[in-house]
Amino acid sequence: MPTEIKFHLDENVDPDIAQSLRNNGIDVTVTNEVGLVSAEDLVQLEFARTEGRIIITHDTDFLRIAAKTSDHSGILFCKTEGYSIGKIVLHCISIHHQRVAKDMIGWVEYL
């Protein structure tokens, strides 16, 4: 059975995105809710991998990590300029409805 996509928001992503995703029935964790505030990027990525979650981030450090390894559950990279919370949420909902978790392993999606 395909596994539904779940997300994890890096600490630099607006938590309103998590609330909007939850309002749409999507499973999402937030860095401060799981005790990872100020954790290194590799720790964040490992948490997301272990939990089978796509990490949503604005941090280009995750792109550098992804260039070296595909051992992650997926990364959704969002530029901070010019992208509203609504646009990011709609993109996440689209991914959630159109893909399954295994499709995102090692994948970087750019918004």
Protein backbone atom coordinates (compact mmCIF):
# COMPACT_ATOMS: atom_id res chain seq x y z
CA MET A 1 0.00 0.00 0.00
CA PRO A 2 1.42 3.44 -0.91
CA THR A 3 2.50 5.55 2.01
CA GLU A 4 1.03 9.02 2.29
CA ILE A 5 3.38 11.97 2.19
CA LYS A 6 4.19 13.66 5.49
CA PHE A 7 6.12 16.88 6.00
CA HIS A 8 8.54 18.42 8.49
CA LEU A 9 9.09 22.18 8.64
CA ASP A 10 12.60 23.44 9.27
CA GLU A 11 12.71 26.15 11.93
CA ASN A 12 13.11 28.93 9.36
CA VAL A 13 9.73 28.17 7.74
CA ASP A 14 6.63 30.07 8.90
CA PRO A 15 4.63 27.80 11.26
CA ASP A 16 1.42 29.08 9.67
CA ILE A 17 2.28 26.73 6.80
CA ALA A 18 2.07 23.78 9.20
CA GLN A 19 -1.29 24.92 10.50
CA SER A 20 -2.67 25.32 6.99
CA LEU A 21 -1.44 21.86 6.02
CA ARG A 22 -2.98 20.38 9.17
CA ASN A 23 -6.24 22.13 8.35
CA ASN A 24 -6.13 20.17 5.09
CA GLY A 25 -5.61 16.86 6.89
CA ILE A 26 -1.89 16.58 6.18
CA ASP A 27 0.53 15.18 8.76
CA VAL A 28 3.23 17.75 9.52
CA THR A 29 5.75 18.29 12.29
CA VAL A 30 7.50 21.54 13.18
CA THR A 31 11.03 21.83 14.51
CA ASN A 32 10.07 23.46 17.81
CA GLU A 33 7.36 20.85 18.48
CA VAL A 34 9.80 17.93 18.21
CA GLY A 35 12.65 19.46 20.23
CA LEU A 36 14.98 20.29 17.35
CA VAL A 37 15.30 24.08 17.69
CA SER A 38 18.86 25.07 16.76
CA ALA A 39 19.68 21.50 15.76
CA GLU A 40 22.20 21.14 12.94
CA ASP A 41 20.85 20.59 9.45
CA LEU A 42 22.06 16.98 9.36
CA VAL A 43 20.14 16.28 12.57
CA GLN A 44 17.00 17.84 11.07
CA LEU A 45 17.42 15.80 7.90
CA GLU A 46 18.00 12.59 9.85
CA PHE A 47 14.84 13.20 11.89
CA ALA A 48 12.85 13.73 8.69
CA ARG A 49 14.39 10.61 7.09
CA THR A 50 13.72 8.44 10.13
CA GLU A 51 10.12 9.66 10.28
CA GLY A 52 9.64 9.39 6.51
CA ARG A 53 8.96 13.12 6.18
CA ILE A 54 9.77 15.58 3.42
CA ILE A 55 11.60 18.53 4.91
CA ILE A 56 10.33 21.97 3.89
CA THR A 57 13.03 24.61 4.10
CA HIS A 58 14.31 27.96 2.87
CA ASP A 59 17.86 27.01 3.92
CA THR A 60 20.26 26.47 1.00
CA ASP A 61 22.46 24.32 3.24
CA PHE A 62 19.98 21.48 2.61
CA LEU A 63 20.65 21.81 -1.11
CA ARG A 64 24.37 21.39 -0.48
CA ILE A 65 23.68 18.29 1.61
CA ALA A 66 21.35 16.88 -1.07
CA ALA A 67 24.08 17.39 -3.69
CA LYS A 68 26.25 14.97 -1.71
CA THR A 69 23.66 12.33 -0.77
CA SER A 70 20.25 11.09 -1.76
CA ASP A 71 19.74 9.42 1.62
CA HIS A 72 16.77 11.53 2.64
CA SER A 73 12.98 11.37 2.39
CA GLY A 74 12.80 14.41 0.15
CA ILE A 75 13.41 18.13 0.36
CA LEU A 76 11.01 20.88 -0.66
CA PHE A 77 13.10 24.00 -1.11
CA CYS A 78 11.21 27.31 -1.12
CA LYS A 79 12.78 30.66 -1.85
CA THR A 80 11.69 33.21 0.70
CA GLU A 81 11.22 36.09 -1.72
CA GLY A 82 8.06 36.24 -3.78
CA TYR A 83 6.36 33.16 -2.36
CA SER A 84 3.33 33.57 -0.18
CA ILE A 85 2.35 31.13 2.51
CA GLY A 86 -0.67 30.26 0.37
CA LYS A 87 1.46 29.36 -2.64
CA ILE A 88 3.73 27.15 -0.56
CA VAL A 89 0.73 25.43 1.05
CA LEU A 90 -0.91 24.81 -2.32
CA HIS A 91 2.31 23.29 -3.67
CA CYS A 92 2.59 21.00 -0.64
CA ILE A 93 -1.05 19.94 -0.98
CA SER A 94 -0.45 19.18 -4.65
CA ILE A 95 2.56 17.00 -3.81
CA HIS A 96 0.58 15.27 -1.07
CA HIS A 97 -2.28 14.40 -3.42
CA GLN A 98 -0.25 13.48 -6.49
CA ARG A 99 2.66 11.46 -5.09
CA VAL A 100 3.48 8.83 -2.52
CA ALA A 101 6.34 8.95 -0.03
CA LYS A 102 8.58 6.51 -1.93
CA ASP A 103 8.46 8.82 -4.99
CA MET A 104 10.13 11.57 -2.98
CA ILE A 105 13.07 9.61 -1.57
CA GLY A 106 16.26 11.39 -2.59
CA TRP A 107 14.26 14.02 -4.51
CA VAL A 108 14.62 17.79 -4.21
CA GLU A 109 11.57 19.80 -5.27
CA TYR A 110 12.05 23.50 -5.97
CA LEU A 111 9.29 26.04 -5.51
